[in-house]
Amino acid sequence: MAKSKKKKPAVEDQRNKVVATNRKARHDYLIEDTVEAGLALMGTEVKSLRMGRATLTDGYASERDGELWLEGVHIPEYLQGTWTNHAARRRRKLLLHRHEIDKLVRKSQEAGHTLVPLQLYFKDGRVKVELALAKGKKQYDKRETLRRQTDEREAQRAMQVRLKRGG
């Protein structure tokens, strides 16, 4: 019988860890397509992210000189940083293949579409961002989504109560 190698869970959790999610984006936008992109970061930004500190709420991606840039994302300064610390809301380069950039730029230039970050996370020790091609929802669409979610939640609760009663 061969021995199986055991992985250290603490190291694994650090290598694959969600740092920030943009829950507001799923409420405000209809998500049409998602893509995983790398980020070009400074060392102090990575250290700050490892501490679990970032805000994606106001973030978006834009095209400049044939490259995609992530803007409006807040990564606070590293507390133990010195003069090498980064600016909290600086523009960060997204690392994607040329064909992916071209496809996203082409689709985002359609009326009502934008590129928003959904999640910032570590994958095998590298920082990744889940970028979504999204279309803005109207106010009545947001209300409809909330109504549908509430109805589903109430139906689940009713089913659970009925199952607990045994019948």
N, C-alpha and C. Protein backbone atom coordinates (compact mmCIF):
# COMPACT_ATOMS: atom_id res chain seq x y z
N MET A 1 0.85 -1.17 0.00
CA MET A 1 0.00 0.00 0.00
C MET A 1 0.90 1.24 0.00
N ALA A 2 0.73 2.11 -0.97
CA ALA A 2 1.57 3.30 -1.11
C ALA A 2 1.06 4.41 -0.19
N LYS A 3 2.01 5.13 0.36
CA LYS A 3 1.64 6.25 1.22
C LYS A 3 1.26 7.44 0.35
N SER A 4 0.21 8.11 0.72
CA SER A 4 -0.18 9.31 -0.03
C SER A 4 0.46 10.53 0.64
N LYS A 5 0.87 11.45 -0.20
CA LYS A 5 1.49 12.67 0.32
C LYS A 5 0.41 13.60 0.85
N LYS A 6 0.64 14.13 2.02
CA LYS A 6 -0.31 15.06 2.61
C LYS A 6 0.17 16.48 2.35
N LYS A 7 -0.77 17.31 1.91
CA LYS A 7 -0.45 18.71 1.68
C LYS A 7 -0.72 19.49 2.96
N LYS A 8 0.05 20.54 3.13
CA LYS A 8 -0.16 21.41 4.28
C LYS A 8 -1.34 22.32 3.98
N PRO A 9 -2.41 22.24 4.76
CA PRO A 9 -3.59 23.07 4.46
C PRO A 9 -3.33 24.56 4.60
N ALA A 10 -2.47 24.97 5.53
CA ALA A 10 -2.22 26.41 5.72
C ALA A 10 -1.56 27.00 4.48
N VAL A 11 -0.63 26.28 3.89
CA VAL A 11 0.04 26.77 2.69
C VAL A 11 -0.93 26.77 1.52
N GLU A 12 -1.75 25.75 1.42
CA GLU A 12 -2.71 25.65 0.32
C GLU A 12 -3.74 26.78 0.40
N ASP A 13 -4.19 27.10 1.62
CA ASP A 13 -5.16 28.18 1.78
C ASP A 13 -4.54 29.52 1.38
N GLN A 14 -3.26 29.72 1.68
CA GLN A 14 -2.59 30.96 1.34
C GLN A 14 -2.39 31.07 -0.16
N ARG A 15 -2.19 29.95 -0.84
CA ARG A 15 -1.94 29.97 -2.28
C ARG A 15 -3.23 30.14 -3.09
N ASN A 16 -4.36 29.70 -2.57
CA ASN A 16 -5.65 29.83 -3.25
C ASN A 16 -6.64 30.50 -2.30
N LYS A 17 -6.60 31.82 -2.28
CA LYS A 17 -7.38 32.55 -1.29
C LYS A 17 -8.08 33.73 -1.96
N VAL A 18 -9.37 33.87 -1.71
CA VAL A 18 -10.13 35.00 -2.23
C VAL A 18 -9.85 36.21 -1.33
N VAL A 19 -9.42 37.30 -1.94
CA VAL A 19 -9.09 38.51 -1.19
C VAL A 19 -10.29 39.44 -1.12
N ALA A 20 -10.95 39.67 -2.27
CA ALA A 20 -12.08 40.61 -2.29
C ALA A 20 -13.07 40.18 -3.36
N THR A 21 -14.35 40.41 -3.09
CA THR A 21 -15.39 40.16 -4.08
C THR A 21 -16.20 41.44 -4.27
N ASN A 22 -16.74 41.58 -5.47
CA ASN A 22 -17.55 42.75 -5.80
C ASN A 22 -19.00 42.31 -5.91
N ARG A 23 -19.68 42.24 -4.76
CA ARG A 23 -21.07 41.78 -4.75
C ARG A 23 -22.00 42.82 -5.39
N LYS A 24 -21.61 44.08 -5.32
CA LYS A 24 -22.42 45.14 -5.90
C LYS A 24 -22.51 45.01 -7.42
N ALA A 25 -21.45 44.49 -8.04
CA ALA A 25 -21.43 44.34 -9.50
C ALA A 25 -22.50 43.37 -9.97
N ARG A 26 -22.70 42.29 -9.24
CA ARG A 26 -23.71 41.31 -9.63
C ARG A 26 -25.12 41.89 -9.46
N HIS A 27 -25.27 42.85 -8.59
CA HIS A 27 -26.57 43.51 -8.40
C HIS A 27 -26.80 44.57 -9.47
N ASP A 28 -25.77 45.33 -9.82
CA ASP A 28 -25.92 46.45 -10.73
C ASP A 28 -25.79 46.09 -12.20
N TYR A 29 -25.19 44.93 -12.50
CA TYR A 29 -24.91 44.57 -13.89
C TYR A 29 -25.43 43.17 -14.21
N LEU A 30 -25.74 42.96 -15.48
CA LEU A 30 -26.04 41.65 -16.01
C LEU A 30 -24.73 41.10 -16.57
N ILE A 31 -24.21 40.04 -15.97
CA ILE A 31 -22.91 39.49 -16.34
C ILE A 31 -23.09 38.62 -17.58
N GLU A 32 -22.38 38.95 -18.66
CA GLU A 32 -22.49 38.20 -19.91
C GLU A 32 -21.35 37.23 -20.11
N ASP A 33 -20.13 37.61 -19.70
CA ASP A 33 -18.96 36.76 -19.93
C ASP A 33 -17.92 37.09 -18.87
N THR A 34 -17.14 36.09 -18.45
CA THR A 34 -16.08 36.34 -17.49
C THR A 34 -14.77 35.81 -18.02
N VAL A 35 -13.68 36.41 -17.57
CA VAL A 35 -12.35 35.98 -17.96
C VAL A 35 -11.41 36.20 -16.77
N GLU A 36 -10.43 35.31 -16.63
CA GLU A 36 -9.44 35.43 -15.57
C GLU A 36 -8.21 36.13 -16.12
N ALA A 37 -7.75 37.15 -15.40
CA ALA A 37 -6.59 37.93 -15.85
C ALA A 37 -5.59 38.06 -14.71
N GLY A 38 -4.35 38.13 -15.07
CA GLY A 38 -3.31 38.41 -14.09
C GLY A 38 -3.19 39.90 -13.88
N LEU A 39 -2.46 40.29 -12.84
CA LEU A 39 -2.25 41.71 -12.54
C LEU A 39 -0.77 41.98 -12.38
N ALA A 40 -0.30 43.09 -12.93
CA ALA A 40 1.08 43.53 -12.72
C ALA A 40 1.07 44.41 -11.48
N LEU A 41 1.64 43.91 -10.38
CA LEU A 41 1.60 44.61 -9.10
C LEU A 41 2.99 44.87 -8.56
N MET A 42 3.06 45.81 -7.62
CA MET A 42 4.30 46.07 -6.88
C MET A 42 4.33 45.13 -5.68
N GLY A 43 5.50 44.96 -5.09
CA GLY A 43 5.65 44.05 -3.95
C GLY A 43 4.80 44.42 -2.76
N THR A 44 4.69 45.74 -2.48
CA THR A 44 3.90 46.14 -1.32
C THR A 44 2.41 45.91 -1.55
N GLU A 45 1.97 45.94 -2.81
CA GLU A 45 0.57 45.64 -3.11
C GLU A 45 0.27 44.18 -2.83
N VAL A 46 1.17 43.30 -3.21
CA VAL A 46 0.97 41.86 -2.96
C VAL A 46 0.94 41.59 -1.46
N LYS A 47 1.83 42.24 -0.71
CA LYS A 47 1.85 42.04 0.74
C LYS A 47 0.55 42.54 1.38
N SER A 48 0.04 43.66 0.89
CA SER A 48 -1.22 44.18 1.41
C SER A 48 -2.37 43.24 1.07
N LEU A 49 -2.35 42.66 -0.14
CA LEU A 49 -3.39 41.70 -0.52
C LEU A 49 -3.31 40.42 0.31
N ARG A 50 -2.11 39.99 0.65
CA ARG A 50 -1.97 38.79 1.48
C ARG A 50 -2.58 39.00 2.86
N MET A 51 -2.66 40.27 3.30
CA MET A 51 -3.31 40.59 4.56
C MET A 51 -4.83 40.64 4.40
N GLY A 52 -5.31 40.47 3.15
CA GLY A 52 -6.75 40.42 2.88
C GLY A 52 -7.39 41.78 2.76
N ARG A 53 -6.66 42.76 2.27
CA ARG A 53 -7.18 44.12 2.22
C ARG A 53 -7.28 44.60 0.78
N ALA A 54 -8.50 44.80 0.30
CA ALA A 54 -8.74 45.37 -1.02
C ALA A 54 -10.23 45.68 -1.18
N THR A 55 -10.54 46.64 -2.06
CA THR A 55 -11.93 47.00 -2.33
C THR A 55 -12.12 47.11 -3.84
N LEU A 56 -13.07 46.35 -4.37
CA LEU A 56 -13.33 46.32 -5.82
C LEU A 56 -14.56 47.14 -6.21
N THR A 57 -15.24 47.73 -5.26
CA THR A 57 -16.56 48.33 -5.51
C THR A 57 -16.57 49.33 -6.65
N ASP A 58 -15.61 50.22 -6.72
CA ASP A 58 -15.60 51.26 -7.75
C ASP A 58 -14.73 50.90 -8.95
N GLY A 59 -14.29 49.66 -9.03
CA GLY A 59 -13.34 49.27 -10.06
C GLY A 59 -13.95 49.05 -11.42
N TYR A 60 -13.15 49.26 -12.45
CA TYR A 60 -13.52 49.00 -13.84
C TYR A 60 -12.25 48.84 -14.65
N ALA A 61 -12.37 48.29 -15.83
CA ALA A 61 -11.22 48.12 -16.72
C ALA A 61 -11.42 49.00 -17.95
N SER A 62 -10.33 49.56 -18.43
CA SER A 62 -10.41 50.40 -19.63
C SER A 62 -9.22 50.10 -20.52
N GLU A 63 -9.38 50.43 -21.80
CA GLU A 63 -8.34 50.17 -22.79
C GLU A 63 -7.55 51.46 -23.01
N ARG A 64 -6.22 51.32 -23.03
CA ARG A 64 -5.34 52.46 -23.29
C ARG A 64 -4.11 51.96 -24.02
N ASP A 65 -3.89 52.47 -25.21
CA ASP A 65 -2.73 52.09 -26.04
C ASP A 65 -2.68 50.59 -26.32
N GLY A 66 -3.84 49.99 -26.55
CA GLY A 66 -3.89 48.57 -26.90
C GLY A 66 -3.72 47.63 -25.72
N GLU A 67 -3.75 48.16 -24.49
CA GLU A 67 -3.63 47.33 -23.30
C GLU A 67 -4.83 47.59 -22.40
N LEU A 68 -5.17 46.61 -21.56
CA LEU A 68 -6.25 46.78 -20.59
C LEU A 68 -5.67 47.16 -19.24
N TRP A 69 -6.30 48.12 -18.59
CA TRP A 69 -5.86 48.61 -17.29
C TRP A 69 -7.02 48.53 -16.31
N LEU A 70 -6.71 48.14 -15.09
CA LEU A 70 -7.69 48.07 -14.01
C LEU A 70 -7.61 49.37 -13.23
N GLU A 71 -8.73 50.09 -13.14
CA GLU A 71 -8.74 51.39 -12.47
C GLU A 71 -9.79 51.41 -11.37
N GLY A 72 -9.59 52.26 -10.38
CA GLY A 72 -10.57 52.45 -9.32
C GLY A 72 -10.54 51.40 -8.23
N VAL A 73 -9.65 50.42 -8.31
CA VAL A 73 -9.55 49.39 -7.28
C VAL A 73 -8.66 49.91 -6.16
N HIS A 74 -9.14 49.80 -4.94
CA HIS A 74 -8.40 50.32 -3.79
C HIS A 74 -7.66 49.20 -3.08
N ILE A 75 -6.33 49.25 -3.14
CA ILE A 75 -5.48 48.36 -2.36
C ILE A 75 -4.72 49.25 -1.39
N PRO A 76 -5.06 49.22 -0.09
CA PRO A 76 -4.44 50.16 0.85
C PRO A 76 -2.93 49.96 0.97
N GLU A 77 -2.27 51.00 1.42
CA GLU A 77 -0.82 50.93 1.58
C GLU A 77 -0.46 49.85 2.59
N TYR A 78 0.69 49.23 2.35
CA TYR A 78 1.21 48.19 3.25
C TYR A 78 1.68 48.87 4.53
N LEU A 79 1.22 48.38 5.68
CA LEU A 79 1.49 49.05 6.95
C LEU A 79 2.97 49.11 7.30
N GLN A 80 3.72 48.06 6.97
CA GLN A 80 5.14 48.05 7.29
C GLN A 80 5.99 48.58 6.13
N GLY A 81 5.34 49.14 5.12
CA GLY A 81 6.07 49.65 3.95
C GLY A 81 6.82 50.93 4.28
N THR A 82 7.82 51.22 3.47
CA THR A 82 8.62 52.44 3.65
C THR A 82 8.35 53.37 2.49
N TRP A 83 9.34 54.07 2.02
CA TRP A 83 9.18 54.99 0.91
C TRP A 83 8.84 54.26 -0.39
N THR A 84 8.98 52.94 -0.42
CA THR A 84 8.66 52.16 -1.62
C THR A 84 7.18 51.80 -1.71
N ASN A 85 6.37 52.30 -0.79
CA ASN A 85 4.94 51.97 -0.79
C ASN A 85 4.26 52.46 -2.06
N HIS A 86 3.15 51.83 -2.41
CA HIS A 86 2.41 52.14 -3.63
C HIS A 86 1.29 53.14 -3.36
N ALA A 87 0.78 53.74 -4.43
CA ALA A 87 -0.42 54.58 -4.32
C ALA A 87 -1.63 53.66 -4.24
N ALA A 88 -2.58 53.99 -3.39
CA ALA A 88 -3.70 53.08 -3.10
C ALA A 88 -4.61 52.86 -4.30
N ARG A 89 -4.86 53.87 -5.12
CA ARG A 89 -5.80 53.75 -6.24
C ARG A 89 -5.10 53.92 -7.58
N ARG A 90 -3.91 53.44 -7.72
CA ARG A 90 -3.20 53.61 -8.99
C ARG A 90 -3.76 52.67 -10.06
N ARG A 91 -3.46 52.99 -11.32
CA ARG A 91 -3.89 52.16 -12.45
C ARG A 91 -2.96 50.94 -12.51
N ARG A 92 -3.56 49.74 -12.68
CA ARG A 92 -2.77 48.50 -12.71
C ARG A 92 -3.01 47.78 -14.02
N LYS A 93 -1.94 47.27 -14.61
CA LYS A 93 -2.01 46.61 -15.91
C LYS A 93 -2.57 45.21 -15.76
N LEU A 94 -3.52 44.87 -16.64
CA LEU A 94 -4.09 43.52 -16.68
C LEU A 94 -3.28 42.68 -17.66
N LEU A 95 -2.96 41.47 -17.27
CA LEU A 95 -2.14 40.58 -18.09
C LEU A 95 -3.03 39.57 -18.80
N LEU A 96 -3.23 39.79 -20.09
CA LEU A 96 -4.07 38.92 -20.92
C LEU A 96 -3.38 38.71 -22.26
N HIS A 97 -3.80 37.67 -22.98
CA HIS A 97 -3.31 37.45 -24.33
C HIS A 97 -3.92 38.48 -25.27
N ARG A 98 -3.23 38.77 -26.36
CA ARG A 98 -3.67 39.79 -27.30
C ARG A 98 -5.08 39.51 -27.83
N HIS A 99 -5.37 38.26 -28.20
CA HIS A 99 -6.70 37.94 -28.74
C HIS A 99 -7.79 38.14 -27.69
N GLU A 100 -7.48 37.89 -26.41
CA GLU A 100 -8.46 38.13 -25.34
C GLU A 100 -8.71 39.63 -25.16
N ILE A 101 -7.65 40.42 -25.23
CA ILE A 101 -7.78 41.87 -25.10
C ILE A 101 -8.63 42.41 -26.23
N ASP A 102 -8.32 41.99 -27.46
CA ASP A 102 -9.07 42.47 -28.62
C ASP A 102 -10.55 42.12 -28.52
N LYS A 103 -10.84 40.89 -28.09
CA LYS A 103 -12.23 40.44 -27.98
C LYS A 103 -12.97 41.26 -26.92
N LEU A 104 -12.35 41.46 -25.75
CA LEU A 104 -12.99 42.21 -24.67
C LEU A 104 -13.19 43.67 -25.04
N VAL A 105 -12.20 44.27 -25.69
CA VAL A 105 -12.33 45.68 -26.08
C VAL A 105 -13.44 45.84 -27.11
N ARG A 106 -13.50 44.93 -28.06
CA ARG A 106 -14.53 44.99 -29.10
C ARG A 106 -15.92 44.88 -28.48
N LYS A 107 -16.10 43.93 -27.54
CA LYS A 107 -17.42 43.75 -26.92
C LYS A 107 -17.77 44.88 -25.96
N SER A 108 -16.77 45.43 -25.28
CA SER A 108 -17.05 46.49 -24.30
C SER A 108 -17.39 47.82 -24.97
N GLN A 109 -17.07 47.97 -26.24
CA GLN A 109 -17.39 49.21 -26.95
C GLN A 109 -18.84 49.25 -27.43
N GLU A 110 -19.55 48.11 -27.31
CA GLU A 110 -20.98 48.10 -27.64
C GLU A 110 -21.72 48.93 -26.59
N ALA A 111 -22.86 49.46 -26.98
CA ALA A 111 -23.62 50.35 -26.10
C ALA A 111 -24.02 49.65 -24.80
N GLY A 112 -23.76 50.31 -23.68
CA GLY A 112 -24.18 49.81 -22.38
C GLY A 112 -23.28 48.76 -21.76
N HIS A 113 -22.19 48.38 -22.40
CA HIS A 113 -21.31 47.35 -21.87
C HIS A 113 -20.09 47.97 -21.19
N THR A 114 -19.60 47.27 -20.19
CA THR A 114 -18.40 47.71 -19.48
C THR A 114 -17.66 46.48 -18.94
N LEU A 115 -16.44 46.68 -18.51
CA LEU A 115 -15.64 45.61 -17.91
C LEU A 115 -15.49 45.91 -16.42
N VAL A 116 -16.00 45.01 -15.58
CA VAL A 116 -15.95 45.21 -14.14
C VAL A 116 -15.26 44.02 -13.47
N PRO A 117 -14.48 44.27 -12.41
CA PRO A 117 -13.87 43.16 -11.68
C PRO A 117 -14.88 42.54 -10.72
N LEU A 118 -14.94 41.21 -10.70
CA LEU A 118 -15.85 40.51 -9.81
C LEU A 118 -15.15 39.99 -8.57
N GLN A 119 -13.92 39.51 -8.74
CA GLN A 119 -13.21 38.88 -7.64
C GLN A 119 -11.72 39.11 -7.80
N LEU A 120 -11.04 39.27 -6.67
CA LEU A 120 -9.59 39.38 -6.63
C LEU A 120 -9.11 38.25 -5.73
N TYR A 121 -8.22 37.41 -6.24
CA TYR A 121 -7.84 36.22 -5.49
C TYR A 121 -6.44 35.76 -5.85
N PHE A 122 -5.91 34.88 -5.00
CA PHE A 122 -4.62 34.24 -5.27
C PHE A 122 -4.88 32.88 -5.89
N LYS A 123 -4.15 32.55 -6.93
CA LYS A 123 -4.23 31.25 -7.56
C LYS A 123 -2.80 30.75 -7.74
N ASP A 124 -2.45 29.71 -7.02
CA ASP A 124 -1.09 29.17 -7.03
C ASP A 124 -0.06 30.25 -6.72
N GLY A 125 -0.39 31.11 -5.78
CA GLY A 125 0.55 32.13 -5.34
C GLY A 125 0.58 33.39 -6.17
N ARG A 126 -0.18 33.46 -7.24
CA ARG A 126 -0.20 34.65 -8.09
C ARG A 126 -1.56 35.35 -7.97
N VAL A 127 -1.54 36.67 -8.04
CA VAL A 127 -2.77 37.44 -7.92
C VAL A 127 -3.51 37.42 -9.25
N LYS A 128 -4.79 37.07 -9.19
CA LYS A 128 -5.65 37.04 -10.37
C LYS A 128 -6.89 37.86 -10.10
N VAL A 129 -7.50 38.34 -11.17
CA VAL A 129 -8.75 39.07 -11.07
C VAL A 129 -9.74 38.45 -12.05
N GLU A 130 -10.97 38.22 -11.58
CA GLU A 130 -12.02 37.72 -12.46
C GLU A 130 -12.72 38.95 -13.03
N LEU A 131 -12.56 39.14 -14.33
CA LEU A 131 -13.08 40.30 -15.01
C LEU A 131 -14.33 39.91 -15.78
N ALA A 132 -15.37 40.73 -15.69
CA ALA A 132 -16.65 40.40 -16.34
C ALA A 132 -17.01 41.44 -17.38
N LEU A 133 -17.49 40.95 -18.51
CA LEU A 133 -18.11 41.81 -19.49
C LEU A 133 -19.57 41.94 -19.06
N ALA A 134 -19.98 43.15 -18.73
CA ALA A 134 -21.29 43.34 -18.10
C ALA A 134 -22.07 44.44 -18.79
N LYS A 135 -23.39 44.32 -18.67
CA LYS A 135 -24.29 45.33 -19.20
C LYS A 135 -25.10 45.87 -18.02
N GLY A 136 -25.20 47.18 -17.92
CA GLY A 136 -25.89 47.81 -16.80
C GLY A 136 -27.36 47.44 -16.74
N LYS A 137 -27.85 47.16 -15.53
CA LYS A 137 -29.26 46.85 -15.33
C LYS A 137 -30.04 48.14 -15.11
N LYS A 138 -31.27 48.14 -15.54
CA LYS A 138 -32.17 49.23 -15.23
C LYS A 138 -32.72 49.01 -13.82
N GLN A 139 -33.31 50.04 -13.25
CA GLN A 139 -33.83 49.95 -11.89
C GLN A 139 -34.90 48.86 -11.76
N TYR A 140 -35.77 48.74 -12.76
CA TYR A 140 -36.81 47.73 -12.68
C TYR A 140 -36.23 46.31 -12.80
N ASP A 141 -35.11 46.16 -13.52
CA ASP A 141 -34.44 44.85 -13.58
C ASP A 141 -33.89 44.46 -12.21
N LYS A 142 -33.34 45.44 -11.49
CA LYS A 142 -32.79 45.17 -10.16
C LYS A 142 -33.90 44.74 -9.21
N ARG A 143 -35.05 45.44 -9.29
CA ARG A 143 -36.18 45.08 -8.43
C ARG A 143 -36.69 43.68 -8.76
N GLU A 144 -36.75 43.34 -10.04
CA GLU A 144 -37.21 42.01 -10.47
C GLU A 144 -36.27 40.93 -9.94
N THR A 145 -34.97 41.17 -10.00
CA THR A 145 -34.01 40.20 -9.49
C THR A 145 -34.18 40.00 -8.00
N LEU A 146 -34.32 41.09 -7.26
CA LEU A 146 -34.53 40.99 -5.81
C LEU A 146 -35.81 40.24 -5.48
N ARG A 147 -36.88 40.52 -6.22
CA ARG A 147 -38.16 39.85 -6.00
C ARG A 147 -38.03 38.35 -6.24
N ARG A 148 -37.34 37.97 -7.32
CA ARG A 148 -37.16 36.56 -7.64
C ARG A 148 -36.34 35.86 -6.56
N GLN A 149 -35.26 36.51 -6.08
CA GLN A 149 -34.44 35.91 -5.03
C GLN A 149 -35.23 35.73 -3.74
N THR A 150 -36.04 36.72 -3.39
CA THR A 150 -36.87 36.63 -2.19
C THR A 150 -37.88 35.49 -2.30
N ASP A 151 -38.50 35.36 -3.46
CA ASP A 151 -39.47 34.28 -3.67
C ASP A 151 -38.81 32.92 -3.55
N GLU A 152 -37.61 32.77 -4.13
CA GLU A 152 -36.90 31.48 -4.04
C GLU A 152 -36.53 31.16 -2.60
N ARG A 153 -36.08 32.17 -1.86
CA ARG A 153 -35.70 31.98 -0.47
C ARG A 153 -36.91 31.55 0.37
N GLU A 154 -38.04 32.20 0.16
CA GLU A 154 -39.25 31.84 0.90
C GLU A 154 -39.73 30.44 0.55
N ALA A 155 -39.62 30.04 -0.71
CA ALA A 155 -40.00 28.69 -1.12
C ALA A 155 -39.10 27.65 -0.45
N GLN A 156 -37.81 27.93 -0.38
CA GLN A 156 -36.89 27.00 0.28
C GLN A 156 -37.22 26.86 1.76
N ARG A 157 -37.53 27.99 2.42
CA ARG A 157 -37.89 27.93 3.84
C ARG A 157 -39.17 27.13 4.05
N ALA A 158 -40.16 27.32 3.19
CA ALA A 158 -41.41 26.57 3.30
C ALA A 158 -41.16 25.08 3.14
N MET A 159 -40.31 24.71 2.20
CA MET A 159 -39.99 23.29 1.98
C MET A 159 -39.29 22.71 3.21
N GLN A 160 -38.36 23.47 3.80
CA GLN A 160 -37.65 22.98 4.97
C GLN A 160 -38.60 22.78 6.14
N VAL A 161 -39.51 23.71 6.34
CA VAL A 161 -40.48 23.60 7.44
C VAL A 161 -41.37 22.37 7.22
N ARG A 162 -41.80 22.17 6.00
CA ARG A 162 -42.65 21.03 5.68
C ARG A 162 -41.91 19.70 5.88
N LEU A 163 -40.63 19.66 5.50
CA LEU A 163 -39.84 18.44 5.69
C LEU A 163 -39.59 18.15 7.16
N LYS A 164 -39.39 19.21 7.97
CA LYS A 164 -39.15 19.01 9.40
C LYS A 164 -40.39 18.46 10.10
N ARG A 165 -41.57 18.88 9.65
CA ARG A 165 -42.80 18.40 10.25
C ARG A 165 -43.08 16.95 9.90
N GLY A 166 -42.42 16.48 8.84
CA GLY A 166 -42.59 15.09 8.47
C GLY A 166 -43.78 14.84 7.57
N GLY A 167 -44.00 15.77 6.70
CA GLY A 167 -45.09 15.36 5.92
C GLY A 167 -45.57 16.19 4.84
